[in-house]
Amino acid sequence: MNPHSKFQTTARQVITHEADALVKLAANLDASFDEAITLLLQAKGRVIISGMGKSGHIARKIAATLASTGTPAHFVHPAEASHGDLGMMTKGDVVIVLSNSGETPELADLVAYTRRFGIPMIGVASRPNSTLLQQADIGILLPSLSEACGTGVVPTTSTTMTLALGDAIAVALMKHRDFTPEKFRDFHPGGKLGAQLSKVADLMHTGDAVPLVQADTPMGDALLVISQKGFGVVGVLDESDQLIGIVTDGDLRRHMDGLLAFTASEVMTTAPTTVAPQALAEAALAVMNDRKITCLFATTDDGTNKVAGILHIHDCLRAGIV
């Protein structure tokens, strides 16, 4: 027998217990959840989230999730609130208070402050007759279930349910606001996630850095532009400055015999693959990999086909997009 099997057995029991609790939580959601979302959507200020102990840790995470998905939010520690941080809450804000028992004494001053100044409060607890839910404008009742620790003293099942409820609130608000991946990236400019959600416009080269020539430019001059700009290609424009072609290394090889006697339009590849500046850089990289090319011109999507910039595959790699 695997000597560690008893540990796995315990782990599976905990996970199964908490999974069952989440199923019950989902089944128990009622009109109070809708009322809470409506209140949060109507808030003119910020969402203030508070909780003590393990509930406080969950409150911090929920505040961070809301803030990163378009709902201004921050955590207020209830003990610190009693020593001056109550001033961080003002009319127009909505307060969410977390307490499994609904009787956490450290929350008393914060709850009283919201009542005194008419700041809407959403309470989350597992006891329907608790002080918190009795005082709250909207009360969300968690299923009253045993903790997964077996002794009933370690917050496990209750914190898992509260965390899941916070995620449900955040996603419900996101969907109502049509919060897109592009908007999400604005709150996550760094790290792998920020790289994956970078737009072409964030990485592309613009202005004088873009290699461009007119259609009637002699190839001798076009070669100088290719060399000076360092992208290995040059875009070809018509009289209206619309992109009509691109001269690549392959085009040069195909016209090697008497190359300098040609103009750019006579050597170029017509209808080159382009990308919109607002497209995700990750999608642009996929196009480059699929077509086995190293550059993409970014063109305006207003029908004019004007060049806005150029993106090199190395730009994507430097940004961490792989």
C-alpha atoms as a PDB file:
ATOM      1  CA  MET A   1       0.000   0.000   0.000  1.00  0.00           C
ATOM      2  CA  ASN A   2       1.169   3.493  -0.806  1.00  0.00           C
ATOM      3  CA  PRO A   3       2.262   4.969   2.551  1.00  0.00           C
ATOM      4  CA  HIS A   4       0.994   8.347   1.397  1.00  0.00           C
ATOM      5  CA  SER A   5      -2.455   7.108   0.397  1.00  0.00           C
ATOM      6  CA  LYS A   6      -3.962   8.329   3.688  1.00  0.00           C
ATOM      7  CA  PHE A   7      -2.821  11.842   2.798  1.00  0.00           C
ATOM      8  CA  GLN A   8      -4.435  11.564  -0.618  1.00  0.00           C
ATOM      9  CA  THR A   9      -7.587  10.272   0.993  1.00  0.00           C
ATOM     10  CA  THR A  10      -7.735  13.286   3.281  1.00  0.00           C
ATOM     11  CA  ALA A  11      -7.071  15.635   0.373  1.00  0.00           C
ATOM     12  CA  ARG A  12      -9.850  14.106  -1.715  1.00  0.00           C
ATOM     13  CA  GLN A  13     -12.254  14.329   1.198  1.00  0.00           C
ATOM     14  CA  VAL A  14     -11.494  18.033   1.658  1.00  0.00           C
ATOM     15  CA  ILE A  15     -11.775  18.839  -2.033  1.00  0.00           C
ATOM     16  CA  THR A  16     -14.988  16.837  -2.430  1.00  0.00           C
ATOM     17  CA  HIS A  17     -16.475  18.485   0.655  1.00  0.00           C
ATOM     18  CA  GLU A  18     -15.704  21.955  -0.650  1.00  0.00           C
ATOM     19  CA  ALA A  19     -16.883  21.090  -4.168  1.00  0.00           C
ATOM     20  CA  ASP A  20     -20.224  19.950  -2.742  1.00  0.00           C
ATOM     21  CA  ALA A  21     -20.426  23.222  -0.840  1.00  0.00           C
ATOM     22  CA  LEU A  22     -19.949  25.204  -4.042  1.00  0.00           C
ATOM     23  CA  VAL A  23     -22.776  23.257  -5.690  1.00  0.00           C
ATOM     24  CA  LYS A  24     -25.038  24.146  -2.759  1.00  0.00           C
ATOM     25  CA  LEU A  25     -23.928  27.774  -2.934  1.00  0.00           C
ATOM     26  CA  ALA A  26     -24.870  27.965  -6.605  1.00  0.00           C
ATOM     27  CA  ALA A  27     -28.247  26.366  -5.923  1.00  0.00           C
ATOM     28  CA  ASN A  28     -28.976  28.750  -3.029  1.00  0.00           C
ATOM     29  CA  LEU A  29     -28.377  32.002  -4.938  1.00  0.00           C
ATOM     30  CA  ASP A  30     -31.552  34.046  -4.979  1.00  0.00           C
ATOM     31  CA  ALA A  31     -32.882  37.537  -5.645  1.00  0.00           C
ATOM     32  CA  SER A  32     -30.453  39.017  -3.128  1.00  0.00           C
ATOM     33  CA  PHE A  33     -27.592  38.312  -5.539  1.00  0.00           C
ATOM     34  CA  ASP A  34     -29.387  40.209  -8.324  1.00  0.00           C
ATOM     35  CA  GLU A  35     -30.047  43.090  -5.945  1.00  0.00           C
ATOM     36  CA  ALA A  36     -26.371  43.178  -4.951  1.00  0.00           C
ATOM     37  CA  ILE A  37     -25.186  43.295  -8.570  1.00  0.00           C
ATOM     38  CA  THR A  38     -27.691  46.041  -9.378  1.00  0.00           C
ATOM     39  CA  LEU A  39     -26.497  48.073  -6.389  1.00  0.00           C
ATOM     40  CA  LEU A  40     -22.852  47.645  -7.391  1.00  0.00           C
ATOM     41  CA  LEU A  41     -23.589  48.704 -10.967  1.00  0.00           C
ATOM     42  CA  GLN A  42     -25.305  51.853  -9.714  1.00  0.00           C
ATOM     43  CA  ALA A  43     -22.432  52.825  -7.417  1.00  0.00           C
ATOM     44  CA  LYS A  44     -20.996  56.217  -8.293  1.00  0.00           C
ATOM     45  CA  GLY A  45     -17.975  55.701  -6.069  1.00  0.00           C
ATOM     46  CA  ARG A  46     -15.900  52.671  -5.190  1.00  0.00           C
ATOM     47  CA  VAL A  47     -16.591  49.246  -3.780  1.00  0.00           C
ATOM     48  CA  ILE A  48     -15.151  48.884  -0.277  1.00  0.00           C
ATOM     49  CA  ILE A  49     -14.662  45.313   0.924  1.00  0.00           C
ATOM     50  CA  SER A  50     -13.903  44.357   4.505  1.00  0.00           C
ATOM     51  CA  GLY A  51     -13.535  41.267   6.628  1.00  0.00           C
ATOM     52  CA  MET A  52     -11.547  40.065   9.612  1.00  0.00           C
ATOM     53  CA  GLY A  53      -9.073  37.191   9.786  1.00  0.00           C
ATOM     54  CA  LYS A  54      -9.445  34.661   6.963  1.00  0.00           C
ATOM     55  CA  SER A  55     -12.449  36.601   5.668  1.00  0.00           C
ATOM     56  CA  GLY A  56     -10.124  39.579   5.435  1.00  0.00           C
ATOM     57  CA  HIS A  57      -7.751  37.657   3.180  1.00  0.00           C
ATOM     58  CA  ILE A  58     -10.686  36.681   0.964  1.00  0.00           C
ATOM     59  CA  ALA A  59     -11.876  40.294   0.958  1.00  0.00           C
ATOM     60  CA  ARG A  60      -8.467  41.457  -0.285  1.00  0.00           C
ATOM     61  CA  LYS A  61      -8.582  38.989  -3.148  1.00  0.00           C
ATOM     62  CA  ILE A  62     -12.126  39.982  -4.134  1.00  0.00           C
ATOM     63  CA  ALA A  63     -11.161  43.663  -4.071  1.00  0.00           C
ATOM     64  CA  ALA A  64      -8.174  42.930  -6.304  1.00  0.00           C
ATOM     65  CA  THR A  65     -10.320  40.946  -8.733  1.00  0.00           C
ATOM     66  CA  LEU A  66     -12.918  43.694  -8.952  1.00  0.00           C
ATOM     67  CA  ALA A  67     -10.302  46.399  -9.421  1.00  0.00           C
ATOM     68  CA  SER A  68      -8.635  44.473 -12.231  1.00  0.00           C
ATOM     69  CA  THR A  69     -11.909  43.920 -14.069  1.00  0.00           C
ATOM     70  CA  GLY A  70     -13.224  47.449 -14.276  1.00  0.00           C
ATOM     71  CA  THR A  71     -14.849  47.972 -10.865  1.00  0.00           C
ATOM     72  CA  PRO A  72     -12.880  50.415  -8.673  1.00  0.00           C
ATOM     73  CA  ALA A  73     -12.477  48.623  -5.353  1.00  0.00           C
ATOM     74  CA  HIS A  74     -10.191  48.387  -2.368  1.00  0.00           C
ATOM     75  CA  PHE A  75      -9.914  46.564   0.931  1.00  0.00           C
ATOM     76  CA  VAL A  76     -10.365  48.269   4.288  1.00  0.00           C
ATOM     77  CA  HIS A  77      -9.155  46.431   7.378  1.00  0.00           C
ATOM     78  CA  PRO A  78     -11.886  46.652  10.053  1.00  0.00           C
ATOM     79  CA  ALA A  79      -9.417  47.175  12.891  1.00  0.00           C
ATOM     80  CA  GLU A  80      -7.667  49.984  11.018  1.00  0.00           C
ATOM     81  CA  ALA A  81     -11.059  51.428  10.099  1.00  0.00           C
ATOM     82  CA  SER A  82     -11.715  52.097  13.789  1.00  0.00           C
ATOM     83  CA  HIS A  83      -8.503  54.132  13.924  1.00  0.00           C
ATOM     84  CA  GLY A  84      -9.098  56.523  11.060  1.00  0.00           C
ATOM     85  CA  ASP A  85      -9.652  54.459   7.926  1.00  0.00           C
ATOM     86  CA  LEU A  86     -13.432  54.890   8.159  1.00  0.00           C
ATOM     87  CA  GLY A  87     -12.785  58.161   6.350  1.00  0.00           C
ATOM     88  CA  MET A  88     -11.894  56.111   3.271  1.00  0.00           C
ATOM     89  CA  MET A  89     -15.619  55.393   2.847  1.00  0.00           C
ATOM     90  CA  THR A  90     -17.875  58.105   1.496  1.00  0.00           C
ATOM     91  CA  LYS A  91     -21.356  58.491   0.096  1.00  0.00           C
ATOM     92  CA  GLY A  92     -21.506  57.009  -3.363  1.00  0.00           C
ATOM     93  CA  ASP A  93     -19.468  53.992  -2.284  1.00  0.00           C
ATOM     94  CA  VAL A  94     -20.889  50.524  -1.695  1.00  0.00           C
ATOM     95  CA  VAL A  95     -19.505  48.409   1.149  1.00  0.00           C
ATOM     96  CA  ILE A  96     -19.316  44.610   1.102  1.00  0.00           C
ATOM     97  CA  VAL A  97     -18.714  43.060   4.512  1.00  0.00           C
ATOM     98  CA  LEU A  98     -17.700  39.399   4.869  1.00  0.00           C
ATOM     99  CA  SER A  99     -18.166  37.378   8.055  1.00  0.00           C
ATOM    100  CA  ASN A 100     -19.082  33.710   8.185  1.00  0.00           C
ATOM    101  CA  SER A 101     -20.724  34.071  11.591  1.00  0.00           C
ATOM    102  CA  GLY A 102     -22.042  37.552  10.950  1.00  0.00           C
ATOM    103  CA  GLU A 103     -21.064  38.453  14.513  1.00  0.00           C
ATOM    104  CA  THR A 104     -17.384  39.459  14.152  1.00  0.00           C
ATOM    105  CA  PRO A 105     -16.936  42.174  16.836  1.00  0.00           C
ATOM    106  CA  GLU A 106     -14.171  44.029  14.954  1.00  0.00           C
ATOM    107  CA  LEU A 107     -16.718  44.882  12.243  1.00  0.00           C
ATOM    108  CA  ALA A 108     -19.027  46.782  14.579  1.00  0.00           C
ATOM    109  CA  ASP A 109     -17.574  50.275  14.044  1.00  0.00           C
ATOM    110  CA  LEU A 110     -17.437  49.835  10.270  1.00  0.00           C
ATOM    111  CA  VAL A 111     -21.025  48.605  10.083  1.00  0.00           C
ATOM    112  CA  ALA A 112     -22.204  51.420  12.358  1.00  0.00           C
ATOM    113  CA  TYR A 113     -20.420  53.984  10.167  1.00  0.00           C
ATOM    114  CA  THR A 114     -22.226  52.800   7.041  1.00  0.00           C
ATOM    115  CA  ARG A 115     -25.563  53.025   8.868  1.00  0.00           C
ATOM    116  CA  ARG A 116     -24.832  56.485  10.233  1.00  0.00           C
ATOM    117  CA  PHE A 117     -23.891  57.991   6.890  1.00  0.00           C
ATOM    118  CA  GLY A 118     -26.265  56.079   4.643  1.00  0.00           C
ATOM    119  CA  ILE A 119     -23.589  54.133   2.769  1.00  0.00           C
ATOM    120  CA  PRO A 120     -25.185  51.048   1.164  1.00  0.00           C
ATOM    121  CA  MET A 121     -23.885  47.785   2.642  1.00  0.00           C
ATOM    122  CA  ILE A 122     -23.978  44.238   1.330  1.00  0.00           C
ATOM    123  CA  GLY A 123     -23.481  41.635   4.036  1.00  0.00           C
ATOM    124  CA  VAL A 124     -22.256  38.093   3.376  1.00  0.00           C
ATOM    125  CA  ALA A 125     -22.679  35.529   6.175  1.00  0.00           C
ATOM    126  CA  SER A 126     -23.979  32.014   6.844  1.00  0.00           C
ATOM    127  CA  ARG A 127     -26.423  32.845   9.669  1.00  0.00           C
ATOM    128  CA  PRO A 128     -29.695  34.448   8.540  1.00  0.00           C
ATOM    129  CA  ASN A 129     -30.405  36.083  11.917  1.00  0.00           C
ATOM    130  CA  SER A 130     -26.869  37.377  12.422  1.00  0.00           C
ATOM    131  CA  THR A 131     -26.257  41.012  13.279  1.00  0.00           C
ATOM    132  CA  LEU A 132     -24.473  41.607   9.975  1.00  0.00           C
ATOM    133  CA  LEU A 133     -27.327  40.364   7.792  1.00  0.00           C
ATOM    134  CA  GLN A 134     -29.900  42.133   9.952  1.00  0.00           C
ATOM    135  CA  GLN A 135     -28.055  45.436   9.535  1.00  0.00           C
ATOM    136  CA  ALA A 136     -27.202  45.039   5.827  1.00  0.00           C
ATOM    137  CA  ASP A 137     -29.206  46.689   3.060  1.00  0.00           C
ATOM    138  CA  ILE A 138     -28.751  43.486   1.088  1.00  0.00           C
ATOM    139  CA  GLY A 139     -27.829  40.195   2.711  1.00  0.00           C
ATOM    140  CA  ILE A 140     -26.345  37.267   0.821  1.00  0.00           C
ATOM    141  CA  LEU A 141     -26.735  34.074   2.806  1.00  0.00           C
ATOM    142  CA  LEU A 142     -24.082  31.382   2.471  1.00  0.00           C
ATOM    143  CA  PRO A 143     -25.151  27.767   3.018  1.00  0.00           C
ATOM    144  CA  SER A 144     -24.478  26.820   6.644  1.00  0.00           C
ATOM    145  CA  LEU A 145     -22.108  23.887   6.167  1.00  0.00           C
ATOM    146  CA  SER A 146     -19.379  22.264   8.222  1.00  0.00           C
ATOM    147  CA  GLU A 147     -15.782  23.215   7.619  1.00  0.00           C
ATOM    148  CA  ALA A 148     -13.649  20.715   5.711  1.00  0.00           C
ATOM    149  CA  CYS A 149     -11.123  20.431   8.530  1.00  0.00           C
ATOM    150  CA  GLY A 150     -13.417  18.085  10.442  1.00  0.00           C
ATOM    151  CA  THR A 151     -13.124  20.009  13.691  1.00  0.00           C
ATOM    152  CA  GLY A 152     -15.188  22.990  12.622  1.00  0.00           C
ATOM    153  CA  VAL A 153     -12.618  25.525  13.756  1.00  0.00           C
ATOM    154  CA  VAL A 154     -10.480  26.115  10.657  1.00  0.00           C
ATOM    155  CA  PRO A 155     -12.106  28.331   7.974  1.00  0.00           C
ATOM    156  CA  THR A 156     -11.997  26.172   4.851  1.00  0.00           C
ATOM    157  CA  THR A 157     -15.383  25.477   3.312  1.00  0.00           C
ATOM    158  CA  SER A 158     -16.696  28.893   4.341  1.00  0.00           C
ATOM    159  CA  THR A 159     -13.770  30.776   2.814  1.00  0.00           C
ATOM    160  CA  THR A 160     -13.959  28.707  -0.372  1.00  0.00           C
ATOM    161  CA  MET A 161     -17.623  29.614  -0.776  1.00  0.00           C
ATOM    162  CA  THR A 162     -16.964  33.277  -0.065  1.00  0.00           C
ATOM    163  CA  LEU A 163     -14.132  33.374  -2.574  1.00  0.00           C
ATOM    164  CA  ALA A 164     -16.311  31.738  -5.227  1.00  0.00           C
ATOM    165  CA  LEU A 165     -19.095  34.206  -4.475  1.00  0.00           C
ATOM    166  CA  GLY A 166     -16.652  37.064  -4.986  1.00  0.00           C
ATOM    167  CA  ASP A 167     -15.614  35.625  -8.343  1.00  0.00           C
ATOM    168  CA  ALA A 168     -19.283  35.280  -9.306  1.00  0.00           C
ATOM    169  CA  ILE A 169     -19.893  38.938  -8.458  1.00  0.00           C
ATOM    170  CA  ALA A 170     -16.851  40.066 -10.456  1.00  0.00           C
ATOM    171  CA  VAL A 171     -17.755  38.032 -13.530  1.00  0.00           C
ATOM    172  CA  ALA A 172     -21.406  39.120 -13.403  1.00  0.00           C
ATOM    173  CA  LEU A 173     -20.269  42.752 -13.373  1.00  0.00           C
ATOM    174  CA  MET A 174     -17.776  42.067 -16.181  1.00  0.00           C
ATOM    175  CA  LYS A 175     -20.410  40.529 -18.434  1.00  0.00           C
ATOM    176  CA  HIS A 176     -22.860  43.355 -17.848  1.00  0.00           C
ATOM    177  CA  ARG A 177     -20.166  45.888 -18.736  1.00  0.00           C
ATOM    178  CA  ASP A 178     -18.939  43.854 -21.728  1.00  0.00           C
ATOM    179  CA  PHE A 179     -15.444  43.871 -20.243  1.00  0.00           C
ATOM    180  CA  THR A 180     -13.258  42.612 -23.114  1.00  0.00           C
ATOM    181  CA  PRO A 181      -9.777  41.027 -23.025  1.00  0.00           C
ATOM    182  CA  GLU A 182      -8.444  44.269 -24.511  1.00  0.00           C
ATOM    183  CA  LYS A 183      -9.846  46.227 -21.561  1.00  0.00           C
ATOM    184  CA  PHE A 184      -8.472  43.609 -19.185  1.00  0.00           C
ATOM    185  CA  ARG A 185      -4.998  44.167 -20.602  1.00  0.00           C
ATOM    186  CA  ASP A 186      -5.166  47.850 -19.670  1.00  0.00           C
ATOM    187  CA  PHE A 187      -5.217  46.755 -16.009  1.00  0.00           C
ATOM    188  CA  HIS A 188      -2.494  44.095 -16.549  1.00  0.00           C
ATOM    189  CA  PRO A 189       0.268  45.720 -18.637  1.00  0.00           C
ATOM    190  CA  GLY A 190       3.028  43.642 -17.056  1.00  0.00           C
ATOM    191  CA  GLY A 191       3.905  39.981 -16.966  1.00  0.00           C
ATOM    192  CA  LYS A 192       2.810  37.114 -19.165  1.00  0.00           C
ATOM    193  CA  LEU A 193      -0.831  38.128 -19.136  1.00  0.00           C
ATOM    194  CA  GLY A 194      -0.025  41.653 -20.225  1.00  0.00           C
ATOM    195  CA  ALA A 195       2.158  40.315 -23.033  1.00  0.00           C
ATOM    196  CA  GLN A 196      -0.565  38.012 -24.311  1.00  0.00           C
ATOM    197  CA  LEU A 197      -3.066  40.858 -24.378  1.00  0.00           C
ATOM    198  CA  SER A 198      -0.744  43.437 -25.937  1.00  0.00           C
ATOM    199  CA  LYS A 199      -2.049  45.096 -29.057  1.00  0.00           C
ATOM    200  CA  VAL A 200      -0.116  45.569 -32.263  1.00  0.00           C
ATOM    201  CA  ALA A 201      -0.253  49.318 -31.613  1.00  0.00           C
ATOM    202  CA  ASP A 202       1.580  48.782 -28.317  1.00  0.00           C
ATOM    203  CA  LEU A 203       4.585  47.153 -30.008  1.00  0.00           C
ATOM    204  CA  MET A 204       4.749  48.424 -33.583  1.00  0.00           C
ATOM    205  CA  HIS A 205       7.254  50.942 -34.966  1.00  0.00           C
ATOM    206  CA  THR A 206       5.815  54.182 -36.303  1.00  0.00           C
ATOM    207  CA  GLY A 207       6.789  57.411 -38.041  1.00  0.00           C
ATOM    208  CA  ASP A 208      10.194  57.647 -39.675  1.00  0.00           C
ATOM    209  CA  ALA A 209      11.101  54.150 -38.477  1.00  0.00           C
ATOM    210  CA  VAL A 210       8.682  52.576 -40.970  1.00  0.00           C
ATOM    211  CA  PRO A 211      10.330  51.549 -44.288  1.00  0.00           C
ATOM    212  CA  LEU A 212       8.224  53.065 -47.072  1.00  0.00           C
ATOM    213  CA  VAL A 213       8.800  54.174 -50.663  1.00  0.00           C
ATOM    214  CA  GLN A 214       6.621  55.386 -53.518  1.00  0.00           C
ATOM    215  CA  ALA A 215       5.698  53.043 -56.345  1.00  0.00           C
ATOM    216  CA  ASP A 216       7.983  54.768 -58.860  1.00  0.00           C
ATOM    217  CA  THR A 217      11.033  54.746 -56.554  1.00  0.00           C
ATOM    218  CA  PRO A 218      14.114  53.234 -58.303  1.00  0.00           C
ATOM    219  CA  MET A 219      15.167  49.972 -56.712  1.00  0.00           C
ATOM    220  CA  GLY A 220      18.573  51.446 -55.904  1.00  0.00           C
ATOM    221  CA  ASP A 221      16.888  53.925 -53.566  1.00  0.00           C
ATOM    222  CA  ALA A 222      14.506  51.260 -52.237  1.00  0.00           C
ATOM    223  CA  LEU A 223      17.505  49.097 -51.306  1.00  0.00           C
ATOM    224  CA  LEU A 224      18.928  51.977 -49.286  1.00  0.00           C
ATOM    225  CA  VAL A 225      15.666  52.281 -47.337  1.00  0.00           C
ATOM    226  CA  ILE A 226      15.630  48.526 -46.671  1.00  0.00           C
ATOM    227  CA  SER A 227      19.185  48.734 -45.370  1.00  0.00           C
ATOM    228  CA  GLN A 228      18.672  51.875 -43.294  1.00  0.00           C
ATOM    229  CA  LYS A 229      15.433  50.833 -41.579  1.00  0.00           C
ATOM    230  CA  GLY A 230      16.627  47.340 -40.711  1.00  0.00           C
ATOM    231  CA  PHE A 231      13.416  45.361 -41.206  1.00  0.00           C
ATOM    232  CA  GLY A 232      14.508  43.551 -44.370  1.00  0.00           C
ATOM    233  CA  VAL A 233      11.455  44.807 -46.254  1.00  0.00           C
ATOM    234  CA  VAL A 234      10.009  47.998 -47.652  1.00  0.00           C
ATOM    235  CA  GLY A 235       6.380  48.964 -48.142  1.00  0.00           C
ATOM    236  CA  VAL A 236       5.301  50.459 -51.461  1.00  0.00           C
ATOM    237  CA  LEU A 237       2.763  53.310 -51.612  1.00  0.00           C
ATOM    238  CA  ASP A 238       0.654  54.677 -54.454  1.00  0.00           C
ATOM    239  CA  GLU A 239      -0.062  58.354 -55.153  1.00  0.00           C
ATOM    240  CA  SER A 240      -2.614  58.402 -52.312  1.00  0.00           C
ATOM    241  CA  ASP A 241      -0.113  56.888 -49.867  1.00  0.00           C
ATOM    242  CA  GLN A 242      -2.057  53.641 -49.690  1.00  0.00           C
ATOM    243  CA  LEU A 243      -0.070  50.464 -49.228  1.00  0.00           C
ATOM    244  CA  ILE A 244      -0.167  48.538 -52.507  1.00  0.00           C
ATOM    245  CA  GLY A 245       2.743  46.170 -52.093  1.00  0.00           C
ATOM    246  CA  ILE A 246       5.861  45.083 -50.244  1.00  0.00           C
ATOM    247  CA  VAL A 247       9.375  44.312 -51.408  1.00  0.00           C
ATOM    248  CA  THR A 248      10.877  41.355 -49.553  1.00  0.00           C
ATOM    249  CA  ASP A 249      14.103  39.394 -49.712  1.00  0.00           C
ATOM    250  CA  GLY A 250      12.355  36.878 -51.952  1.00  0.00           C
ATOM    251  CA  ASP A 251      11.348  39.615 -54.395  1.00  0.00           C
ATOM    252  CA  LEU A 252      14.938  40.787 -54.561  1.00  0.00           C
ATOM    253  CA  ARG A 253      16.183  37.314 -55.397  1.00  0.00           C
ATOM    254  CA  ARG A 254      13.551  36.837 -58.089  1.00  0.00           C
ATOM    255  CA  HIS A 255      14.586  40.094 -59.793  1.00  0.00           C
ATOM    256  CA  MET A 256      18.327  39.854 -59.197  1.00  0.00           C
ATOM    257  CA  ASP A 257      19.107  40.053 -62.908  1.00  0.00           C
ATOM    258  CA  GLY A 258      18.995  43.778 -63.685  1.00  0.00           C
ATOM    259  CA  LEU A 259      17.496  44.637 -60.292  1.00  0.00           C
ATOM    260  CA  LEU A 260      18.629  48.279 -60.312  1.00  0.00           C
ATOM    261  CA  ALA A 261      16.805  48.902 -63.590  1.00  0.00           C
ATOM    262  CA  PHE A 262      13.429  48.268 -61.938  1.00  0.00           C
ATOM    263  CA  THR A 263      11.156  50.469 -59.848  1.00  0.00           C
ATOM    264  CA  ALA A 264       9.688  49.348 -56.551  1.00  0.00           C
ATOM    265  CA  SER A 265       6.270  48.639 -58.081  1.00  0.00           C
ATOM    266  CA  GLU A 266       7.843  46.344 -60.679  1.00  0.00           C
ATOM    267  CA  VAL A 267       9.528  44.210 -58.020  1.00  0.00           C
ATOM    268  CA  MET A 268       6.983  44.241 -55.196  1.00  0.00           C
ATOM    269  CA  THR A 269       4.550  41.567 -54.106  1.00  0.00           C
ATOM    270  CA  THR A 270       1.056  43.006 -54.364  1.00  0.00           C
ATOM    271  CA  ALA A 271      -1.695  42.810 -51.747  1.00  0.00           C
ATOM    272  CA  PRO A 272       0.603  42.062 -48.804  1.00  0.00           C
ATOM    273  CA  THR A 273      -0.746  40.605 -45.578  1.00  0.00           C
ATOM    274  CA  THR A 274      -1.454  43.359 -43.071  1.00  0.00           C
ATOM    275  CA  VAL A 275      -2.831  43.677 -39.563  1.00  0.00           C
ATOM    276  CA  ALA A 276      -4.944  46.267 -37.747  1.00  0.00           C
ATOM    277  CA  PRO A 277      -3.212  48.314 -35.020  1.00  0.00           C
ATOM    278  CA  GLN A 278      -5.879  47.276 -32.511  1.00  0.00           C
ATOM    279  CA  ALA A 279      -5.427  43.555 -33.174  1.00  0.00           C
ATOM    280  CA  LEU A 280      -3.807  41.458 -30.471  1.00  0.00           C
ATOM    281  CA  ALA A 281      -0.082  41.106 -31.021  1.00  0.00           C
ATOM    282  CA  GLU A 282      -0.446  37.406 -30.212  1.00  0.00           C
ATOM    283  CA  ALA A 283      -2.734  37.026 -33.239  1.00  0.00           C
ATOM    284  CA  ALA A 284      -0.250  38.936 -35.416  1.00  0.00           C
ATOM    285  CA  LEU A 285       2.539  36.615 -34.284  1.00  0.00           C
ATOM    286  CA  ALA A 286       0.407  33.617 -35.257  1.00  0.00           C
ATOM    287  CA  VAL A 287      -0.020  35.080 -38.742  1.00  0.00           C
ATOM    288  CA  MET A 288       3.713  35.630 -39.106  1.00  0.00           C
ATOM    289  CA  ASN A 289       4.472  32.098 -37.976  1.00  0.00           C
ATOM    290  CA  ASP A 290       1.820  30.634 -40.273  1.00  0.00           C
ATOM    291  CA  ARG A 291       3.034  32.557 -43.335  1.00  0.00           C
ATOM    292  CA  LYS A 292       6.704  32.209 -42.408  1.00  0.00           C
ATOM    293  CA  ILE A 293       7.305  35.950 -42.550  1.00  0.00           C
ATOM    294  CA  THR A 294       9.077  38.248 -40.100  1.00  0.00           C
ATOM    295  CA  CYS A 295       7.158  41.522 -40.520  1.00  0.00           C
ATOM    296  CA  LEU A 296       3.625  42.796 -40.809  1.00  0.00           C
ATOM    297  CA  PHE A 297       2.566  46.272 -41.813  1.00  0.00           C
ATOM    298  CA  ALA A 298      -0.203  47.688 -39.647  1.00  0.00           C
ATOM    299  CA  THR A 299      -2.768  49.573 -41.717  1.00  0.00           C
ATOM    300  CA  THR A 300      -5.725  51.701 -40.728  1.00  0.00           C
ATOM    301  CA  ASP A 301      -9.103  50.011 -40.708  1.00  0.00           C
ATOM    302  CA  ASP A 302     -11.023  53.056 -41.956  1.00  0.00           C
ATOM    303  CA  GLY A 303     -10.900  51.929 -45.583  1.00  0.00           C
ATOM    304  CA  THR A 304      -7.964  54.135 -46.580  1.00  0.00           C
ATOM    305  CA  ASN A 305      -5.355  51.371 -46.170  1.00  0.00           C
ATOM    306  CA  LYS A 306      -2.834  53.889 -44.860  1.00  0.00           C
ATOM    307  CA  VAL A 307       0.227  52.552 -43.053  1.00  0.00           C
ATOM    308  CA  ALA A 308       0.145  53.104 -39.287  1.00  0.00           C
ATOM    309  CA  GLY A 309       3.290  51.156 -38.441  1.00  0.00           C
ATOM    310  CA  ILE A 310       5.249  47.951 -38.815  1.00  0.00           C
ATOM    311  CA  LEU A 311       5.558  45.000 -36.429  1.00  0.00           C
ATOM    312  CA  HIS A 312       8.566  42.687 -36.447  1.00  0.00           C
ATOM    313  CA  ILE A 313       8.473  39.198 -35.002  1.00  0.00           C
ATOM    314  CA  HIS A 314      11.330  40.188 -32.679  1.00  0.00           C
ATOM    315  CA  ASP A 315       9.097  42.869 -31.153  1.00  0.00           C
ATOM    316  CA  CYS A 316       6.675  40.140 -30.090  1.00  0.00           C
ATOM    317  CA  LEU A 317       9.433  37.940 -28.687  1.00  0.00           C
ATOM    318  CA  ARG A 318      10.959  40.802 -26.700  1.00  0.00           C
ATOM    319  CA  ALA A 319       7.528  41.490 -25.200  1.00  0.00           C
ATOM    320  CA  GLY A 320       7.305  37.886 -24.033  1.00  0.00           C
ATOM    321  CA  ILE A 321       4.762  36.725 -26.605  1.00  0.00           C
ATOM    322  CA  VAL A 322       5.635  33.192 -27.666  1.00  0.00           C
END
